[in-house]
Amino acid sequence: MSKRDDLIAKYAADMKDKLGLSPDLHLLTKVVIGCGPSIYSADAETVAASDPAELERIKNNYLMKKLGLPDGPALMDAINAVVAKYGSANRNKYRAVVYYLLCTHFGKESAYA
């Protein structure tokens, strides 16, 4: 298996263990590919959920640019809901998992078609 395949398996297991979800592996693979090389860096692979600037970057660069959503309070509400769902006790919030959850939350799977 490639490094990317290993990461996809790790993210899928994380979703199943910590969130009780069985992800769509095809969509998860596309989200991981969309994350680019950032997932190979230990620092960039995770989301700093307590950093308001990081959450703002997710809103601007992922939700608005990638998914094409209009700016509004619903975007930050969704980010906060995903972070809460992941749990504050869970230190490693993987970027690909957060993006996957946001993508499915807004029903924007077509962005990866």
PDB file of N, CA and C in Angstrom:
ATOM      1  N   MET A   1       0.839  -1.188   0.000  1.00  0.00           N
ATOM      2  CA  MET A   1       0.000   0.000   0.000  1.00  0.00           C
ATOM      3  C   MET A   1       0.881   1.248   0.000  1.00  0.00           C
ATOM      4  N   SER A   2       0.360   2.279  -0.643  1.00  0.00           N
ATOM      5  CA  SER A   2       1.089   3.538  -0.691  1.00  0.00           C
ATOM      6  C   SER A   2       0.871   4.305   0.611  1.00  0.00           C
ATOM      7  N   LYS A   3       1.656   5.342   0.795  1.00  0.00           N
ATOM      8  CA  LYS A   3       1.528   6.193   1.982  1.00  0.00           C
ATOM      9  C   LYS A   3       0.128   6.802   2.027  1.00  0.00           C
ATOM     10  N   ARG A   4      -0.385   7.225   0.865  1.00  0.00           N
ATOM     11  CA  ARG A   4      -1.728   7.810   0.824  1.00  0.00           C
ATOM     12  C   ARG A   4      -2.775   6.775   1.221  1.00  0.00           C
ATOM     13  N   ASP A   5      -2.655   5.553   0.750  1.00  0.00           N
ATOM     14  CA  ASP A   5      -3.597   4.498   1.118  1.00  0.00           C
ATOM     15  C   ASP A   5      -3.557   4.228   2.625  1.00  0.00           C
ATOM     16  N   ASP A   6      -2.360   4.276   3.191  1.00  0.00           N
ATOM     17  CA  ASP A   6      -2.220   4.096   4.645  1.00  0.00           C
ATOM     18  C   ASP A   6      -2.950   5.209   5.395  1.00  0.00           C
ATOM     19  N   LEU A   7      -2.813   6.444   4.907  1.00  0.00           N
ATOM     20  CA  LEU A   7      -3.475   7.575   5.555  1.00  0.00           C
ATOM     21  C   LEU A   7      -4.994   7.476   5.426  1.00  0.00           C
ATOM     22  N   ILE A   8      -5.478   7.067   4.268  1.00  0.00           N
ATOM     23  CA  ILE A   8      -6.921   6.913   4.067  1.00  0.00           C
ATOM     24  C   ILE A   8      -7.465   5.872   5.043  1.00  0.00           C
ATOM     25  N   ALA A   9      -6.750   4.768   5.193  1.00  0.00           N
ATOM     26  CA  ALA A   9      -7.164   3.726   6.139  1.00  0.00           C
ATOM     27  C   ALA A   9      -7.144   4.274   7.569  1.00  0.00           C
ATOM     28  N   LYS A  10      -6.134   5.085   7.898  1.00  0.00           N
ATOM     29  CA  LYS A  10      -6.042   5.673   9.239  1.00  0.00           C
ATOM     30  C   LYS A  10      -7.218   6.614   9.491  1.00  0.00           C
ATOM     31  N   TYR A  11      -7.565   7.446   8.503  1.00  0.00           N
ATOM     32  CA  TYR A  11      -8.665   8.392   8.661  1.00  0.00           C
ATOM     33  C   TYR A  11     -10.004   7.661   8.767  1.00  0.00           C
ATOM     34  N   ALA A  12     -10.180   6.614   7.968  1.00  0.00           N
ATOM     35  CA  ALA A  12     -11.425   5.838   8.016  1.00  0.00           C
ATOM     36  C   ALA A  12     -11.575   5.171   9.390  1.00  0.00           C
ATOM     37  N   ALA A  13     -10.484   4.641   9.915  1.00  0.00           N
ATOM     38  CA  ALA A  13     -10.513   4.011  11.241  1.00  0.00           C
ATOM     39  C   ALA A  13     -10.800   5.054  12.317  1.00  0.00           C
ATOM     40  N   ASP A  14     -10.230   6.242  12.170  1.00  0.00           N
ATOM     41  CA  ASP A  14     -10.456   7.331  13.123  1.00  0.00           C
ATOM     42  C   ASP A  14     -11.934   7.709  13.142  1.00  0.00           C
ATOM     43  N   MET A  15     -12.545   7.783  11.968  1.00  0.00           N
ATOM     44  CA  MET A  15     -13.961   8.134  11.881  1.00  0.00           C
ATOM     45  C   MET A  15     -14.823   7.048  12.522  1.00  0.00           C
ATOM     46  N   LYS A  16     -14.460   5.807  12.284  1.00  0.00           N
ATOM     47  CA  LYS A  16     -15.242   4.708  12.843  1.00  0.00           C
ATOM     48  C   LYS A  16     -15.088   4.639  14.369  1.00  0.00           C
ATOM     49  N   ASP A  17     -13.856   4.763  14.852  1.00  0.00           N
ATOM     50  CA  ASP A  17     -13.579   4.630  16.286  1.00  0.00           C
ATOM     51  C   ASP A  17     -14.068   5.823  17.098  1.00  0.00           C
ATOM     52  N   LYS A  18     -13.810   7.034  16.613  1.00  0.00           N
ATOM     53  CA  LYS A  18     -14.095   8.230  17.409  1.00  0.00           C
ATOM     54  C   LYS A  18     -15.445   8.859  17.113  1.00  0.00           C
ATOM     55  N   LEU A  19     -15.975   8.624  15.911  1.00  0.00           N
ATOM     56  CA  LEU A  19     -17.231   9.262  15.525  1.00  0.00           C
ATOM     57  C   LEU A  19     -18.353   8.267  15.274  1.00  0.00           C
ATOM     58  N   GLY A  20     -18.015   6.990  15.216  1.00  0.00           N
ATOM     59  CA  GLY A  20     -19.023   5.970  14.959  1.00  0.00           C
ATOM     60  C   GLY A  20     -19.566   6.013  13.544  1.00  0.00           C
ATOM     61  N   LEU A  21     -18.765   6.523  12.609  1.00  0.00           N
ATOM     62  CA  LEU A  21     -19.202   6.649  11.216  1.00  0.00           C
ATOM     63  C   LEU A  21     -18.448   5.679  10.322  1.00  0.00           C
ATOM     64  N   SER A  22     -19.145   5.180   9.316  1.00  0.00           N
ATOM     65  CA  SER A  22     -18.502   4.395   8.267  1.00  0.00           C
ATOM     66  C   SER A  22     -18.447   5.289   7.037  1.00  0.00           C
ATOM     67  N   PRO A  23     -17.275   5.855   6.735  1.00  0.00           N
ATOM     68  CA  PRO A  23     -17.193   6.827   5.648  1.00  0.00           C
ATOM     69  C   PRO A  23     -17.325   6.177   4.267  1.00  0.00           C
ATOM     70  N   ASP A  24     -17.747   6.995   3.316  1.00  0.00           N
ATOM     71  CA  ASP A  24     -17.722   6.622   1.905  1.00  0.00           C
ATOM     72  C   ASP A  24     -16.253   6.708   1.494  1.00  0.00           C
ATOM     73  N   LEU A  25     -15.612   5.561   1.292  1.00  0.00           N
ATOM     74  CA  LEU A  25     -14.179   5.546   1.025  1.00  0.00           C
ATOM     75  C   LEU A  25     -13.822   6.238  -0.283  1.00  0.00           C
ATOM     76  N   HIS A  26     -14.717   6.205  -1.255  1.00  0.00           N
ATOM     77  CA  HIS A  26     -14.451   6.892  -2.526  1.00  0.00           C
ATOM     78  C   HIS A  26     -14.371   8.403  -2.287  1.00  0.00           C
ATOM     79  N   LEU A  27     -15.325   8.951  -1.542  1.00  0.00           N
ATOM     80  CA  LEU A  27     -15.309  10.378  -1.225  1.00  0.00           C
ATOM     81  C   LEU A  27     -14.127  10.714  -0.323  1.00  0.00           C
ATOM     82  N   LEU A  28     -13.866   9.898   0.677  1.00  0.00           N
ATOM     83  CA  LEU A  28     -12.736  10.152   1.567  1.00  0.00           C
ATOM     84  C   LEU A  28     -11.425  10.191   0.781  1.00  0.00           C
ATOM     85  N   THR A  29     -11.273   9.285  -0.170  1.00  0.00           N
ATOM     86  CA  THR A  29     -10.075   9.274  -1.015  1.00  0.00           C
ATOM     87  C   THR A  29      -9.947  10.580  -1.779  1.00  0.00           C
ATOM     88  N   LYS A  30     -11.050  11.062  -2.342  1.00  0.00           N
ATOM     89  CA  LYS A  30     -11.008  12.321  -3.099  1.00  0.00           C
ATOM     90  C   LYS A  30     -10.692  13.504  -2.190  1.00  0.00           C
ATOM     91  N   VAL A  31     -11.231  13.502  -0.974  1.00  0.00           N
ATOM     92  CA  VAL A  31     -10.934  14.578  -0.020  1.00  0.00           C
ATOM     93  C   VAL A  31      -9.449  14.548   0.342  1.00  0.00           C
ATOM     94  N   VAL A  32      -8.914  13.358   0.584  1.00  0.00           N
ATOM     95  CA  VAL A  32      -7.495  13.221   0.922  1.00  0.00           C
ATOM     96  C   VAL A  32      -6.629  13.723  -0.227  1.00  0.00           C
ATOM     97  N   ILE A  33      -6.968  13.357  -1.445  1.00  0.00           N
ATOM     98  CA  ILE A  33      -6.219  13.835  -2.608  1.00  0.00           C
ATOM     99  C   ILE A  33      -6.300  15.358  -2.697  1.00  0.00           C
ATOM    100  N   GLY A  34      -7.488  15.908  -2.409  1.00  0.00           N
ATOM    101  CA  GLY A  34      -7.681  17.347  -2.447  1.00  0.00           C
ATOM    102  C   GLY A  34      -6.877  18.094  -1.394  1.00  0.00           C
ATOM    103  N   CYS A  35      -6.541  17.425  -0.316  1.00  0.00           N
ATOM    104  CA  CYS A  35      -5.723  18.060   0.725  1.00  0.00           C
ATOM    105  C   CYS A  35      -4.287  18.273   0.255  1.00  0.00           C
ATOM    106  N   GLY A  36      -3.890  17.525  -0.756  1.00  0.00           N
ATOM    107  CA  GLY A  36      -2.543  17.689  -1.299  1.00  0.00           C
ATOM    108  C   GLY A  36      -1.467  17.226  -0.340  1.00  0.00           C
ATOM    109  N   PRO A  37      -0.291  17.820  -0.472  1.00  0.00           N
ATOM    110  CA  PRO A  37       0.856  17.360   0.337  1.00  0.00           C
ATOM    111  C   PRO A  37       0.753  17.688   1.822  1.00  0.00           C
ATOM    112  N   SER A  38      -0.219  18.504   2.211  1.00  0.00           N
ATOM    113  CA  SER A  38      -0.321  18.879   3.628  1.00  0.00           C
ATOM    114  C   SER A  38      -0.534  17.677   4.536  1.00  0.00           C
ATOM    115  N   ILE A  39      -1.174  16.641   4.041  1.00  0.00           N
ATOM    116  CA  ILE A  39      -1.457  15.483   4.899  1.00  0.00           C
ATOM    117  C   ILE A  39      -0.199  14.690   5.255  1.00  0.00           C
ATOM    118  N   TYR A  40       0.900  14.951   4.542  1.00  0.00           N
ATOM    119  CA  TYR A  40       2.140  14.232   4.824  1.00  0.00           C
ATOM    120  C   TYR A  40       2.995  14.936   5.870  1.00  0.00           C
ATOM    121  N   SER A  41       2.556  16.105   6.320  1.00  0.00           N
ATOM    122  CA  SER A  41       3.244  16.850   7.375  1.00  0.00           C
ATOM    123  C   SER A  41       2.444  16.665   8.665  1.00  0.00           C
ATOM    124  N   ALA A  42       3.114  16.231   9.713  1.00  0.00           N
ATOM    125  CA  ALA A  42       2.428  15.956  10.983  1.00  0.00           C
ATOM    126  C   ALA A  42       1.693  17.189  11.501  1.00  0.00           C
ATOM    127  N   ASP A  43       2.262  18.367  11.303  1.00  0.00           N
ATOM    128  CA  ASP A  43       1.631  19.596  11.794  1.00  0.00           C
ATOM    129  C   ASP A  43       0.418  19.968  10.952  1.00  0.00           C
ATOM    130  N   ALA A  44       0.560  19.928   9.645  1.00  0.00           N
ATOM    131  CA  ALA A  44      -0.526  20.346   8.752  1.00  0.00           C
ATOM    132  C   ALA A  44      -1.611  19.290   8.613  1.00  0.00           C
ATOM    133  N   GLU A  45      -1.305  18.054   8.982  1.00  0.00           N
ATOM    134  CA  GLU A  45      -2.273  16.960   8.864  1.00  0.00           C
ATOM    135  C   GLU A  45      -3.448  17.146   9.821  1.00  0.00           C
ATOM    136  N   THR A  46      -3.205  17.862  10.917  1.00  0.00           N
ATOM    137  CA  THR A  46      -4.251  18.057  11.911  1.00  0.00           C
ATOM    138  C   THR A  46      -4.725  19.508  11.917  1.00  0.00           C
ATOM    139  N   VAL A  47      -5.918  19.693  12.448  1.00  0.00           N
ATOM    140  CA  VAL A  47      -6.526  21.015  12.555  1.00  0.00           C
ATOM    141  C   VAL A  47      -6.352  21.507  13.989  1.00  0.00           C
ATOM    142  N   ALA A  48      -5.863  22.733  14.115  1.00  0.00           N
ATOM    143  CA  ALA A  48      -5.746  23.360  15.438  1.00  0.00           C
ATOM    144  C   ALA A  48      -7.096  23.993  15.758  1.00  0.00           C
ATOM    145  N   ALA A  49      -7.989  23.200  16.322  1.00  0.00           N
ATOM    146  CA  ALA A  49      -9.372  23.628  16.522  1.00  0.00           C
ATOM    147  C   ALA A  49      -9.521  24.756  17.523  1.00  0.00           C
ATOM    148  N   SER A  50      -8.520  24.976  18.361  1.00  0.00           N
ATOM    149  CA  SER A  50      -8.607  26.057  19.342  1.00  0.00           C
ATOM    150  C   SER A  50      -8.058  27.377  18.802  1.00  0.00           C
ATOM    151  N   ASP A  51      -7.565  27.361  17.567  1.00  0.00           N
ATOM    152  CA  ASP A  51      -6.994  28.559  16.951  1.00  0.00           C
ATOM    153  C   ASP A  51      -8.026  29.207  16.028  1.00  0.00           C
ATOM    154  N   PRO A  52      -8.558  30.368  16.405  1.00  0.00           N
ATOM    155  CA  PRO A  52      -9.566  31.031  15.565  1.00  0.00           C
ATOM    156  C   PRO A  52      -9.070  31.319  14.147  1.00  0.00           C
ATOM    157  N   ALA A  53      -7.783  31.611  13.984  1.00  0.00           N
ATOM    158  CA  ALA A  53      -7.235  31.885  12.653  1.00  0.00           C
ATOM    159  C   ALA A  53      -7.283  30.629  11.778  1.00  0.00           C
ATOM    160  N   GLU A  54      -7.023  29.480  12.384  1.00  0.00           N
ATOM    161  CA  GLU A  54      -7.088  28.211  11.649  1.00  0.00           C
ATOM    162  C   GLU A  54      -8.520  27.931  11.184  1.00  0.00           C
ATOM    163  N   LEU A  55      -9.484  28.161  12.053  1.00  0.00           N
ATOM    164  CA  LEU A  55     -10.883  27.933  11.694  1.00  0.00           C
ATOM    165  C   LEU A  55     -11.327  28.903  10.602  1.00  0.00           C
ATOM    166  N   GLU A  56     -10.821  30.114  10.659  1.00  0.00           N
ATOM    167  CA  GLU A  56     -11.129  31.108   9.623  1.00  0.00           C
ATOM    168  C   GLU A  56     -10.539  30.678   8.271  1.00  0.00           C
ATOM    169  N   ARG A  57      -9.334  30.103   8.298  1.00  0.00           N
ATOM    170  CA  ARG A  57      -8.716  29.596   7.061  1.00  0.00           C
ATOM    171  C   ARG A  57      -9.543  28.458   6.475  1.00  0.00           C
ATOM    172  N   ILE A  58     -10.048  27.585   7.333  1.00  0.00           N
ATOM    173  CA  ILE A  58     -10.887  26.483   6.846  1.00  0.00           C
ATOM    174  C   ILE A  58     -12.136  27.061   6.175  1.00  0.00           C
ATOM    175  N   LYS A  59     -12.723  28.049   6.811  1.00  0.00           N
ATOM    176  CA  LYS A  59     -13.917  28.683   6.249  1.00  0.00           C
ATOM    177  C   LYS A  59     -13.617  29.299   4.885  1.00  0.00           C
ATOM    178  N   ASN A  60     -12.561  30.109   4.827  1.00  0.00           N
ATOM    179  CA  ASN A  60     -12.249  30.821   3.587  1.00  0.00           C
ATOM    180  C   ASN A  60     -11.710  29.917   2.489  1.00  0.00           C
ATOM    181  N   ASN A  61     -10.726  29.087   2.815  1.00  0.00           N
ATOM    182  CA  ASN A  61     -10.042  28.305   1.793  1.00  0.00           C
ATOM    183  C   ASN A  61     -10.752  27.014   1.416  1.00  0.00           C
ATOM    184  N   TYR A  62     -11.462  26.424   2.348  1.00  0.00           N
ATOM    185  CA  TYR A  62     -12.139  25.164   2.015  1.00  0.00           C
ATOM    186  C   TYR A  62     -13.616  25.375   1.711  1.00  0.00           C
ATOM    187  N   LEU A  63     -14.343  25.919   2.666  1.00  0.00           N
ATOM    188  CA  LEU A  63     -15.796  26.035   2.477  1.00  0.00           C
ATOM    189  C   LEU A  63     -16.162  27.012   1.362  1.00  0.00           C
ATOM    190  N   MET A  64     -15.511  28.164   1.331  1.00  0.00           N
ATOM    191  CA  MET A  64     -15.885  29.170   0.338  1.00  0.00           C
ATOM    192  C   MET A  64     -15.203  28.928  -1.011  1.00  0.00           C
ATOM    193  N   LYS A  65     -13.887  28.681  -1.005  1.00  0.00           N
ATOM    194  CA  LYS A  65     -13.165  28.510  -2.273  1.00  0.00           C
ATOM    195  C   LYS A  65     -13.399  27.134  -2.891  1.00  0.00           C
ATOM    196  N   LYS A  66     -13.176  26.081  -2.125  1.00  0.00           N
ATOM    197  CA  LYS A  66     -13.284  24.725  -2.677  1.00  0.00           C
ATOM    198  C   LYS A  66     -14.739  24.300  -2.887  1.00  0.00           C
ATOM    199  N   LEU A  67     -15.557  24.484  -1.848  1.00  0.00           N
ATOM    200  CA  LEU A  67     -16.944  24.026  -1.954  1.00  0.00           C
ATOM    201  C   LEU A  67     -17.870  25.074  -2.563  1.00  0.00           C
ATOM    202  N   GLY A  68     -17.409  26.316  -2.674  1.00  0.00           N
ATOM    203  CA  GLY A  68     -18.198  27.367  -3.317  1.00  0.00           C
ATOM    204  C   GLY A  68     -19.386  27.846  -2.499  1.00  0.00           C
ATOM    205  N   LEU A  69     -19.283  27.774  -1.186  1.00  0.00           N
ATOM    206  CA  LEU A  69     -20.388  28.200  -0.330  1.00  0.00           C
ATOM    207  C   LEU A  69     -20.309  29.709  -0.076  1.00  0.00           C
ATOM    208  N   PRO A  70     -21.464  30.365   0.022  1.00  0.00           N
ATOM    209  CA  PRO A  70     -21.455  31.804   0.324  1.00  0.00           C
ATOM    210  C   PRO A  70     -21.102  32.040   1.792  1.00  0.00           C
ATOM    211  N   ASP A  71     -20.434  33.158   2.042  1.00  0.00           N
ATOM    212  CA  ASP A  71     -20.047  33.506   3.410  1.00  0.00           C
ATOM    213  C   ASP A  71     -21.288  33.744   4.256  1.00  0.00           C
ATOM    214  N   GLY A  72     -21.210  33.381   5.500  1.00  0.00           N
ATOM    215  CA  GLY A  72     -22.318  33.591   6.423  1.00  0.00           C
ATOM    216  C   GLY A  72     -22.044  32.864   7.718  1.00  0.00           C
ATOM    217  N   PRO A  73     -22.850  33.127   8.726  1.00  0.00           N
ATOM    218  CA  PRO A  73     -22.627  32.500  10.037  1.00  0.00           C
ATOM    219  C   PRO A  73     -22.800  30.979  10.012  1.00  0.00           C
ATOM    220  N   ALA A  74     -23.514  30.456   9.036  1.00  0.00           N
ATOM    221  CA  ALA A  74     -23.722  29.009   8.960  1.00  0.00           C
ATOM    222  C   ALA A  74     -22.408  28.263   8.746  1.00  0.00           C
ATOM    223  N   LEU A  75     -21.444  28.894   8.104  1.00  0.00           N
ATOM    224  CA  LEU A  75     -20.163  28.236   7.847  1.00  0.00           C
ATOM    225  C   LEU A  75     -19.398  27.994   9.146  1.00  0.00           C
ATOM    226  N   MET A  76     -19.274  29.022   9.953  1.00  0.00           N
ATOM    227  CA  MET A  76     -18.552  28.866  11.220  1.00  0.00           C
ATOM    228  C   MET A  76     -19.338  27.974  12.174  1.00  0.00           C
ATOM    229  N   ASP A  77     -20.668  28.043  12.112  1.00  0.00           N
ATOM    230  CA  ASP A  77     -21.493  27.155  12.936  1.00  0.00           C
ATOM    231  C   ASP A  77     -21.214  25.697  12.577  1.00  0.00           C
ATOM    232  N   ALA A  78     -21.082  25.405  11.290  1.00  0.00           N
ATOM    233  CA  ALA A  78     -20.806  24.039  10.840  1.00  0.00           C
ATOM    234  C   ALA A  78     -19.419  23.589  11.286  1.00  0.00           C
ATOM    235  N   ILE A  79     -18.438  24.480  11.170  1.00  0.00           N
ATOM    236  CA  ILE A  79     -17.082  24.141  11.611  1.00  0.00           C
ATOM    237  C   ILE A  79     -17.090  23.823  13.102  1.00  0.00           C
ATOM    238  N   ASN A  80     -17.748  24.662  13.881  1.00  0.00           N
ATOM    239  CA  ASN A  80     -17.814  24.430  15.327  1.00  0.00           C
ATOM    240  C   ASN A  80     -18.558  23.140  15.656  1.00  0.00           C
ATOM    241  N   ALA A  81     -19.597  22.811  14.886  1.00  0.00           N
ATOM    242  CA  ALA A  81     -20.346  21.570  15.109  1.00  0.00           C
ATOM    243  C   ALA A  81     -19.475  20.351  14.819  1.00  0.00           C
ATOM    244  N   VAL A  82     -18.692  20.421  13.749  1.00  0.00           N
ATOM    245  CA  VAL A  82     -17.806  19.308  13.400  1.00  0.00           C
ATOM    246  C   VAL A  82     -16.729  19.137  14.467  1.00  0.00           C
ATOM    247  N   VAL A  83     -16.152  20.252  14.925  1.00  0.00           N
ATOM    248  CA  VAL A  83     -15.132  20.191  15.977  1.00  0.00           C
ATOM    249  C   VAL A  83     -15.738  19.617  17.257  1.00  0.00           C
ATOM    250  N   ALA A  84     -16.942  20.035  17.594  1.00  0.00           N
ATOM    251  CA  ALA A  84     -17.605  19.509  18.790  1.00  0.00           C
ATOM    252  C   ALA A  84     -17.906  18.022  18.641  1.00  0.00           C
ATOM    253  N   LYS A  85     -18.316  17.618  17.446  1.00  0.00           N
ATOM    254  CA  LYS A  85     -18.612  16.209  17.192  1.00  0.00           C
ATOM    255  C   LYS A  85     -17.348  15.359  17.348  1.00  0.00           C
ATOM    256  N   TYR A  86     -16.240  15.900  16.871  1.00  0.00           N
ATOM    257  CA  TYR A  86     -14.954  15.206  16.990  1.00  0.00           C
ATOM    258  C   TYR A  86     -14.552  15.081  18.462  1.00  0.00           C
ATOM    259  N   GLY A  87     -14.943  16.055  19.276  1.00  0.00           N
ATOM    260  CA  GLY A  87     -14.708  16.003  20.708  1.00  0.00           C
ATOM    261  C   GLY A  87     -13.483  16.781  21.142  1.00  0.00           C
ATOM    262  N   SER A  88     -13.642  17.552  22.201  1.00  0.00           N
ATOM    263  CA  SER A  88     -12.525  18.360  22.687  1.00  0.00           C
ATOM    264  C   SER A  88     -11.429  17.492  23.311  1.00  0.00           C
ATOM    265  N   ALA A  89     -11.789  16.320  23.789  1.00  0.00           N
ATOM    266  CA  ALA A  89     -10.790  15.426  24.383  1.00  0.00           C
ATOM    267  C   ALA A  89      -9.915  14.778  23.315  1.00  0.00           C
ATOM    268  N   ASN A  90     -10.394  14.763  22.093  1.00  0.00           N
ATOM    269  CA  ASN A  90      -9.635  14.175  20.998  1.00  0.00           C
ATOM    270  C   ASN A  90      -8.635  15.202  20.482  1.00  0.00           C
ATOM    271  N   ARG A  91      -7.386  14.992  20.780  1.00  0.00           N
ATOM    272  CA  ARG A  91      -6.344  15.967  20.463  1.00  0.00           C
ATOM    273  C   ARG A  91      -6.071  16.045  18.964  1.00  0.00           C
ATOM    274  N   ASN A  92      -6.071  14.912  18.270  1.00  0.00           N
ATOM    275  CA  ASN A  92      -5.773  14.894  16.839  1.00  0.00           C
ATOM    276  C   ASN A  92      -7.055  14.927  16.024  1.00  0.00           C
ATOM    277  N   LYS A  93      -7.332  16.086  15.483  1.00  0.00           N
ATOM    278  CA  LYS A  93      -8.465  16.236  14.579  1.00  0.00           C
ATOM    279  C   LYS A  93      -7.880  16.321  13.173  1.00  0.00           C
ATOM    280  N   TYR A  94      -7.971  15.221  12.456  1.00  0.00           N
ATOM    281  CA  TYR A  94      -7.333  15.153  11.147  1.00  0.00           C
ATOM    282  C   TYR A  94      -8.049  16.055  10.146  1.00  0.00           C
ATOM    283  N   ARG A  95      -7.253  16.805   9.397  1.00  0.00           N
ATOM    284  CA  ARG A  95      -7.773  17.748   8.415  1.00  0.00           C
ATOM    285  C   ARG A  95      -8.693  17.059   7.411  1.00  0.00           C
ATOM    286  N   ALA A  96      -8.274  15.924   6.886  1.00  0.00           N
ATOM    287  CA  ALA A  96      -9.085  15.221   5.882  1.00  0.00           C
ATOM    288  C   ALA A  96     -10.431  14.801   6.463  1.00  0.00           C
ATOM    289  N   VAL A  97     -10.460  14.401   7.717  1.00  0.00           N
ATOM    290  CA  VAL A  97     -11.716  13.994   8.354  1.00  0.00           C
ATOM    291  C   VAL A  97     -12.618  15.213   8.560  1.00  0.00           C
ATOM    292  N   VAL A  98     -12.041  16.318   9.018  1.00  0.00           N
ATOM    293  CA  VAL A  98     -12.822  17.551   9.207  1.00  0.00           C
ATOM    294  C   VAL A  98     -13.400  17.997   7.871  1.00  0.00           C
ATOM    295  N   TYR A  99     -12.583  17.986   6.818  1.00  0.00           N
ATOM    296  CA  TYR A  99     -13.067  18.390   5.495  1.00  0.00           C
ATOM    297  C   TYR A  99     -14.165  17.441   4.998  1.00  0.00           C
ATOM    298  N   TYR A 100     -13.971  16.147   5.213  1.00  0.00           N
ATOM    299  CA  TYR A 100     -14.985  15.161   4.808  1.00  0.00           C
ATOM    300  C   TYR A 100     -16.312  15.452   5.514  1.00  0.00           C
ATOM    301  N   LEU A 101     -16.248  15.674   6.825  1.00  0.00           N
ATOM    302  CA  LEU A 101     -17.468  15.935   7.587  1.00  0.00           C
ATOM    303  C   LEU A 101     -18.145  17.227   7.138  1.00  0.00           C
ATOM    304  N   LEU A 102     -17.371  18.258   6.845  1.00  0.00           N
ATOM    305  CA  LEU A 102     -17.946  19.513   6.355  1.00  0.00           C
ATOM    306  C   LEU A 102     -18.564  19.326   4.972  1.00  0.00           C
ATOM    307  N   CYS A 103     -17.898  18.582   4.131  1.00  0.00           N
ATOM    308  CA  CYS A 103     -18.405  18.318   2.784  1.00  0.00           C
ATOM    309  C   CYS A 103     -19.757  17.603   2.851  1.00  0.00           C
ATOM    310  N   THR A 104     -19.849  16.578   3.676  1.00  0.00           N
ATOM    311  CA  THR A 104     -21.110  15.847   3.779  1.00  0.00           C
ATOM    312  C   THR A 104     -22.171  16.665   4.509  1.00  0.00           C
ATOM    313  N   HIS A 105     -21.749  17.488   5.471  1.00  0.00           N
ATOM    314  CA  HIS A 105     -22.686  18.350   6.201  1.00  0.00           C
ATOM    315  C   HIS A 105     -23.437  19.269   5.230  1.00  0.00           C
ATOM    316  N   PHE A 106     -22.707  19.826   4.283  1.00  0.00           N
ATOM    317  CA  PHE A 106     -23.309  20.752   3.334  1.00  0.00           C
ATOM    318  C   PHE A 106     -23.815  20.058   2.063  1.00  0.00           C
ATOM    319  N   GLY A 107     -23.647  18.740   1.974  1.00  0.00           N
ATOM    320  CA  GLY A 107     -24.111  18.011   0.784  1.00  0.00           C
ATOM    321  C   GLY A 107     -23.385  18.425  -0.475  1.00  0.00           C
ATOM    322  N   LYS A 108     -22.100  18.749  -0.360  1.00  0.00           N
ATOM    323  CA  LYS A 108     -21.312  19.238  -1.493  1.00  0.00           C
ATOM    324  C   LYS A 108     -20.355  18.169  -2.038  1.00  0.00           C
ATOM    325  N   GLU A 109     -20.784  16.913  -1.975  1.00  0.00           N
ATOM    326  CA  GLU A 109     -19.957  15.837  -2.495  1.00  0.00           C
ATOM    327  C   GLU A 109     -19.636  16.038  -3.974  1.00  0.00           C
ATOM    328  N   SER A 110     -20.500  16.765  -4.666  1.00  0.00           N
ATOM    329  CA  SER A 110     -20.305  17.029  -6.099  1.00  0.00           C
ATOM    330  C   SER A 110     -19.050  17.841  -6.366  1.00  0.00           C
ATOM    331  N   ALA A 111     -18.506  18.521  -5.366  1.00  0.00           N
ATOM    332  CA  ALA A 111     -17.267  19.286  -5.545  1.00  0.00           C
ATOM    333  C   ALA A 111     -16.094  18.350  -5.858  1.00  0.00           C
ATOM    334  N   TYR A 112     -16.256  17.075  -5.548  1.00  0.00           N
ATOM    335  CA  TYR A 112     -15.192  16.084  -5.795  1.00  0.00           C
ATOM    336  C   TYR A 112     -15.542  15.149  -6.941  1.00  0.00           C
ATOM    337  N   ALA A 113     -16.535  15.487  -7.727  1.00  0.00           N
ATOM    338  CA  ALA A 113     -16.959  14.614  -8.830  1.00  0.00           C
ATOM    339  C   ALA A 113     -15.954  14.627  -9.966  1.00  0.00           C
TER     340      ALA A 113
END
